[in-house]
């Protein structure tokens, strides 16, 4: 029978980060929100009768329909709000992680 050596994991495991990059998470959520908005707009073009795009579009300010102005305004809002949400979440996580972790 072979000898088995068990190794304990260090206190800070690489699988559980204690720090999240604020710019990286902010940019990630900004891109995710922009892609989601584009998919929503695409659905409105492809299947306007389904109405599945309407609940998502109510969260964007100033959209008038499926025109270039609304597309640009929606993308801008997606990037701003997604970046804000990601940066806020990362900053809050880092703060709590330092205090409790």
N, C-alpha and C. Protein backbone atom coordinates (compact mmCIF):
# COMPACT_ATOMS: atom_id res chain seq x y z
N UNK A 1 0.85 -1.18 0.00
CA UNK A 1 0.00 0.00 0.00
C UNK A 1 0.89 1.23 0.00
N UNK A 2 0.61 2.17 -0.89
CA UNK A 2 1.41 3.38 -1.01
C UNK A 2 1.07 4.35 0.11
N UNK A 3 2.07 5.10 0.51
CA UNK A 3 1.85 6.13 1.53
C UNK A 3 1.15 7.33 0.90
N UNK A 4 0.17 7.87 1.59
CA UNK A 4 -0.56 9.03 1.11
C UNK A 4 -0.26 10.20 2.01
N UNK A 5 0.09 11.32 1.39
CA UNK A 5 0.36 12.53 2.15
C UNK A 5 -0.75 13.52 1.86
N UNK A 6 -1.39 13.97 2.91
CA UNK A 6 -2.46 14.96 2.76
C UNK A 6 -1.89 16.34 3.06
N UNK A 7 -2.16 17.26 2.19
CA UNK A 7 -1.69 18.63 2.38
C UNK A 7 -2.89 19.51 2.67
N UNK A 8 -2.81 20.25 3.75
CA UNK A 8 -3.87 21.21 4.07
C UNK A 8 -3.74 22.43 3.18
N UNK A 9 -4.86 23.07 2.91
CA UNK A 9 -4.83 24.28 2.09
C UNK A 9 -4.43 25.47 2.94
N UNK A 10 -3.70 26.40 2.36
CA UNK A 10 -3.35 27.61 3.11
C UNK A 10 -4.60 28.41 3.45
N UNK A 11 -4.44 29.33 4.39
CA UNK A 11 -5.59 30.13 4.85
C UNK A 11 -6.23 30.91 3.71
N UNK A 12 -5.43 31.46 2.80
CA UNK A 12 -6.01 32.17 1.67
C UNK A 12 -5.88 31.31 0.43
N UNK A 13 -6.96 30.70 0.03
CA UNK A 13 -6.98 29.82 -1.12
C UNK A 13 -7.11 30.64 -2.40
N UNK A 14 -6.43 30.25 -3.48
CA UNK A 14 -6.59 30.98 -4.74
C UNK A 14 -8.02 30.89 -5.28
N UNK A 15 -8.78 29.90 -4.86
CA UNK A 15 -10.15 29.77 -5.32
C UNK A 15 -11.06 30.81 -4.68
N UNK A 16 -10.66 31.35 -3.55
CA UNK A 16 -11.46 32.34 -2.84
C UNK A 16 -10.68 33.65 -2.74
N UNK A 17 -10.79 34.52 -3.73
CA UNK A 17 -10.00 35.75 -3.69
C UNK A 17 -10.45 36.66 -2.55
N UNK A 18 -9.50 37.34 -1.96
CA UNK A 18 -9.85 38.29 -0.92
C UNK A 18 -9.86 39.71 -1.47
N UNK A 19 -9.58 39.86 -2.76
CA UNK A 19 -9.55 41.17 -3.39
C UNK A 19 -10.09 41.01 -4.82
N UNK A 20 -10.96 41.92 -5.22
CA UNK A 20 -11.50 41.93 -6.57
C UNK A 20 -11.09 43.25 -7.22
N UNK A 21 -10.62 43.18 -8.44
CA UNK A 21 -10.20 44.38 -9.15
C UNK A 21 -11.43 45.22 -9.51
N UNK A 22 -11.47 46.44 -9.01
CA UNK A 22 -12.60 47.33 -9.26
C UNK A 22 -12.73 47.65 -10.75
N UNK A 23 -11.66 48.04 -11.45
CA UNK A 23 -11.82 48.34 -12.88
C UNK A 23 -12.20 47.12 -13.72
N UNK A 24 -11.66 45.96 -13.36
CA UNK A 24 -11.96 44.75 -14.15
C UNK A 24 -13.42 44.36 -14.00
N UNK A 25 -13.93 44.33 -12.78
CA UNK A 25 -15.34 43.97 -12.59
C UNK A 25 -16.25 45.05 -13.16
N UNK A 26 -15.86 46.31 -13.05
CA UNK A 26 -16.65 47.38 -13.64
C UNK A 26 -16.74 47.25 -15.15
N UNK A 27 -15.61 46.99 -15.79
CA UNK A 27 -15.59 46.82 -17.24
C UNK A 27 -16.35 45.57 -17.67
N UNK A 28 -16.24 44.51 -16.88
CA UNK A 28 -16.93 43.26 -17.21
C UNK A 28 -18.44 43.46 -17.19
N UNK A 29 -18.95 44.09 -16.17
CA UNK A 29 -20.39 44.32 -16.10
C UNK A 29 -20.85 45.34 -17.14
N UNK A 30 -20.01 46.30 -17.48
CA UNK A 30 -20.36 47.26 -18.53
C UNK A 30 -20.51 46.56 -19.88
N UNK A 31 -19.58 45.68 -20.20
CA UNK A 31 -19.65 44.94 -21.47
C UNK A 31 -20.85 43.99 -21.46
N UNK A 32 -21.07 43.32 -20.32
CA UNK A 32 -22.22 42.41 -20.22
C UNK A 32 -23.53 43.17 -20.43
N UNK A 33 -23.68 44.33 -19.82
CA UNK A 33 -24.90 45.12 -19.97
C UNK A 33 -25.07 45.60 -21.41
N UNK A 34 -23.97 45.99 -22.05
CA UNK A 34 -24.04 46.46 -23.44
C UNK A 34 -24.44 45.32 -24.38
N UNK A 35 -23.87 44.14 -24.18
CA UNK A 35 -24.23 42.99 -25.02
C UNK A 35 -25.69 42.61 -24.79
N UNK A 36 -26.13 42.63 -23.54
CA UNK A 36 -27.52 42.31 -23.24
C UNK A 36 -28.46 43.30 -23.90
N UNK A 37 -28.10 44.59 -23.87
CA UNK A 37 -28.92 45.61 -24.52
C UNK A 37 -28.98 45.37 -26.03
N UNK A 38 -27.85 45.07 -26.64
CA UNK A 38 -27.83 44.82 -28.08
C UNK A 38 -28.69 43.61 -28.45
N UNK A 39 -28.64 42.57 -27.63
CA UNK A 39 -29.47 41.39 -27.89
C UNK A 39 -30.95 41.73 -27.75
N UNK A 40 -31.27 42.58 -26.80
CA UNK A 40 -32.65 43.02 -26.61
C UNK A 40 -33.13 43.81 -27.83
N UNK A 41 -32.30 44.72 -28.31
CA UNK A 41 -32.65 45.49 -29.50
C UNK A 41 -32.79 44.58 -30.72
N UNK A 42 -31.90 43.61 -30.84
CA UNK A 42 -31.96 42.67 -31.96
C UNK A 42 -33.26 41.88 -31.91
N UNK A 43 -33.66 41.45 -30.73
CA UNK A 43 -34.93 40.73 -30.60
C UNK A 43 -36.10 41.61 -31.03
N UNK A 44 -36.03 42.89 -30.70
CA UNK A 44 -37.08 43.81 -31.12
C UNK A 44 -37.17 43.94 -32.64
N UNK A 45 -36.03 43.85 -33.32
CA UNK A 45 -36.02 43.91 -34.79
C UNK A 45 -36.51 42.61 -35.40
N UNK A 46 -36.04 41.48 -34.85
CA UNK A 46 -36.34 40.17 -35.42
C UNK A 46 -37.78 39.75 -35.14
N UNK A 47 -38.24 39.94 -33.93
CA UNK A 47 -39.58 39.48 -33.54
C UNK A 47 -40.31 40.58 -32.77
N UNK A 48 -40.72 41.65 -33.44
CA UNK A 48 -41.35 42.75 -32.71
C UNK A 48 -42.70 42.37 -32.10
N UNK A 49 -43.37 41.38 -32.64
CA UNK A 49 -44.68 40.99 -32.13
C UNK A 49 -44.61 40.20 -30.84
N UNK A 50 -43.47 39.62 -30.54
CA UNK A 50 -43.34 38.82 -29.31
C UNK A 50 -43.40 39.69 -28.07
N UNK A 51 -42.85 40.87 -28.14
CA UNK A 51 -42.89 41.79 -27.02
C UNK A 51 -41.93 41.45 -25.89
N UNK A 52 -41.04 40.49 -26.10
CA UNK A 52 -40.12 40.10 -25.04
C UNK A 52 -39.08 41.18 -24.74
N UNK A 53 -38.85 42.07 -25.67
CA UNK A 53 -37.86 43.12 -25.47
C UNK A 53 -38.40 44.28 -24.64
N UNK A 54 -39.69 44.44 -24.58
CA UNK A 54 -40.28 45.61 -23.91
C UNK A 54 -39.97 45.70 -22.42
N UNK A 55 -40.04 44.62 -21.64
CA UNK A 55 -39.71 44.76 -20.21
C UNK A 55 -38.28 45.25 -19.97
N UNK A 56 -37.34 44.87 -20.81
CA UNK A 56 -35.96 45.31 -20.63
C UNK A 56 -35.81 46.78 -20.99
N UNK A 57 -36.50 47.22 -22.03
CA UNK A 57 -36.33 48.59 -22.49
C UNK A 57 -36.93 49.62 -21.54
N UNK A 58 -37.82 49.21 -20.63
CA UNK A 58 -38.41 50.17 -19.69
C UNK A 58 -37.38 50.69 -18.69
N UNK A 59 -36.25 50.02 -18.55
CA UNK A 59 -35.23 50.45 -17.60
C UNK A 59 -34.30 51.52 -18.18
N UNK A 60 -34.41 51.79 -19.45
CA UNK A 60 -33.55 52.77 -20.10
C UNK A 60 -34.31 54.08 -20.29
N UNK A 61 -33.64 55.19 -19.98
CA UNK A 61 -34.28 56.50 -20.05
C UNK A 61 -34.17 57.09 -21.45
N UNK A 62 -35.24 57.62 -21.95
CA UNK A 62 -35.22 58.37 -23.19
C UNK A 62 -35.25 57.58 -24.48
N UNK A 63 -35.47 56.29 -24.43
CA UNK A 63 -35.53 55.51 -25.67
C UNK A 63 -36.87 55.76 -26.36
N UNK A 64 -36.82 55.98 -27.66
CA UNK A 64 -38.03 56.29 -28.42
C UNK A 64 -38.46 55.14 -29.32
N UNK A 65 -37.64 54.16 -29.48
CA UNK A 65 -37.98 53.03 -30.36
C UNK A 65 -36.71 52.36 -30.84
N UNK A 66 -36.78 51.86 -32.04
CA UNK A 66 -35.64 51.15 -32.61
C UNK A 66 -34.98 52.01 -33.69
N UNK A 67 -34.35 53.08 -33.25
CA UNK A 67 -33.62 53.96 -34.16
C UNK A 67 -32.18 54.11 -33.66
N UNK A 68 -31.36 54.79 -34.45
CA UNK A 68 -29.94 54.94 -34.10
C UNK A 68 -29.75 55.75 -32.82
N UNK A 69 -30.59 56.75 -32.58
CA UNK A 69 -30.49 57.54 -31.36
C UNK A 69 -30.73 56.67 -30.14
N UNK A 70 -31.76 55.86 -30.18
CA UNK A 70 -32.08 54.97 -29.06
C UNK A 70 -30.99 53.92 -28.87
N UNK A 71 -30.45 53.43 -29.97
CA UNK A 71 -29.37 52.44 -29.88
C UNK A 71 -28.15 53.04 -29.19
N UNK A 72 -27.76 54.25 -29.61
CA UNK A 72 -26.59 54.90 -29.01
C UNK A 72 -26.85 55.26 -27.54
N UNK A 73 -28.03 55.78 -27.25
CA UNK A 73 -28.37 56.16 -25.89
C UNK A 73 -28.43 54.93 -24.98
N UNK A 74 -29.00 53.86 -25.47
CA UNK A 74 -29.09 52.63 -24.69
C UNK A 74 -27.72 52.01 -24.43
N UNK A 75 -26.86 52.02 -25.43
CA UNK A 75 -25.50 51.50 -25.24
C UNK A 75 -24.74 52.34 -24.21
N UNK A 76 -24.87 53.66 -24.32
CA UNK A 76 -24.20 54.54 -23.37
C UNK A 76 -24.69 54.28 -21.95
N UNK A 77 -26.00 54.17 -21.77
CA UNK A 77 -26.55 53.90 -20.45
C UNK A 77 -26.13 52.53 -19.94
N UNK A 78 -26.06 51.55 -20.82
CA UNK A 78 -25.64 50.20 -20.42
C UNK A 78 -24.22 50.22 -19.89
N UNK A 79 -23.34 50.92 -20.60
CA UNK A 79 -21.94 50.98 -20.18
C UNK A 79 -21.81 51.74 -18.86
N UNK A 80 -22.50 52.85 -18.74
CA UNK A 80 -22.41 53.65 -17.51
C UNK A 80 -22.97 52.88 -16.31
N UNK A 81 -24.18 52.37 -16.44
CA UNK A 81 -24.81 51.68 -15.30
C UNK A 81 -24.13 50.35 -15.01
N UNK A 82 -23.71 49.63 -16.04
CA UNK A 82 -23.00 48.37 -15.81
C UNK A 82 -21.65 48.60 -15.15
N UNK A 83 -20.93 49.62 -15.61
CA UNK A 83 -19.65 49.96 -15.00
C UNK A 83 -19.81 50.41 -13.56
N UNK A 84 -20.84 51.21 -13.32
CA UNK A 84 -21.13 51.67 -11.95
C UNK A 84 -21.45 50.49 -11.04
N UNK A 85 -22.29 49.59 -11.51
CA UNK A 85 -22.68 48.43 -10.69
C UNK A 85 -21.47 47.54 -10.40
N UNK A 86 -20.66 47.27 -11.42
CA UNK A 86 -19.49 46.41 -11.22
C UNK A 86 -18.47 47.03 -10.29
N UNK A 87 -18.19 48.31 -10.49
CA UNK A 87 -17.21 48.98 -9.63
C UNK A 87 -17.72 49.07 -8.19
N UNK A 88 -19.01 49.34 -8.03
CA UNK A 88 -19.58 49.41 -6.68
C UNK A 88 -19.52 48.06 -5.98
N UNK A 89 -19.90 47.01 -6.69
CA UNK A 89 -19.86 45.67 -6.09
C UNK A 89 -18.44 45.28 -5.70
N UNK A 90 -17.48 45.56 -6.57
CA UNK A 90 -16.09 45.22 -6.26
C UNK A 90 -15.58 46.00 -5.05
N UNK A 91 -15.90 47.29 -4.99
CA UNK A 91 -15.45 48.11 -3.87
C UNK A 91 -16.08 47.65 -2.56
N UNK A 92 -17.36 47.33 -2.60
CA UNK A 92 -18.04 46.85 -1.40
C UNK A 92 -17.47 45.50 -0.97
N UNK A 93 -17.26 44.61 -1.94
CA UNK A 93 -16.67 43.30 -1.62
C UNK A 93 -15.30 43.46 -0.98
N UNK A 94 -14.47 44.31 -1.56
CA UNK A 94 -13.12 44.51 -1.02
C UNK A 94 -13.17 45.09 0.39
N UNK A 95 -14.08 46.02 0.64
CA UNK A 95 -14.22 46.62 1.96
C UNK A 95 -14.64 45.57 2.99
N UNK A 96 -15.67 44.80 2.66
CA UNK A 96 -16.17 43.79 3.59
C UNK A 96 -15.13 42.68 3.78
N UNK A 97 -14.46 42.32 2.71
CA UNK A 97 -13.44 41.27 2.81
C UNK A 97 -12.30 41.69 3.74
N UNK A 98 -11.89 42.95 3.67
CA UNK A 98 -10.84 43.44 4.59
C UNK A 98 -11.31 43.45 6.03
N UNK A 99 -12.58 43.82 6.23
CA UNK A 99 -13.10 43.91 7.60
C UNK A 99 -13.39 42.55 8.23
N UNK A 100 -13.93 41.65 7.43
CA UNK A 100 -14.36 40.36 7.98
C UNK A 100 -13.43 39.20 7.62
N UNK A 101 -12.65 39.38 6.57
CA UNK A 101 -11.85 38.25 6.08
C UNK A 101 -10.52 38.21 6.67
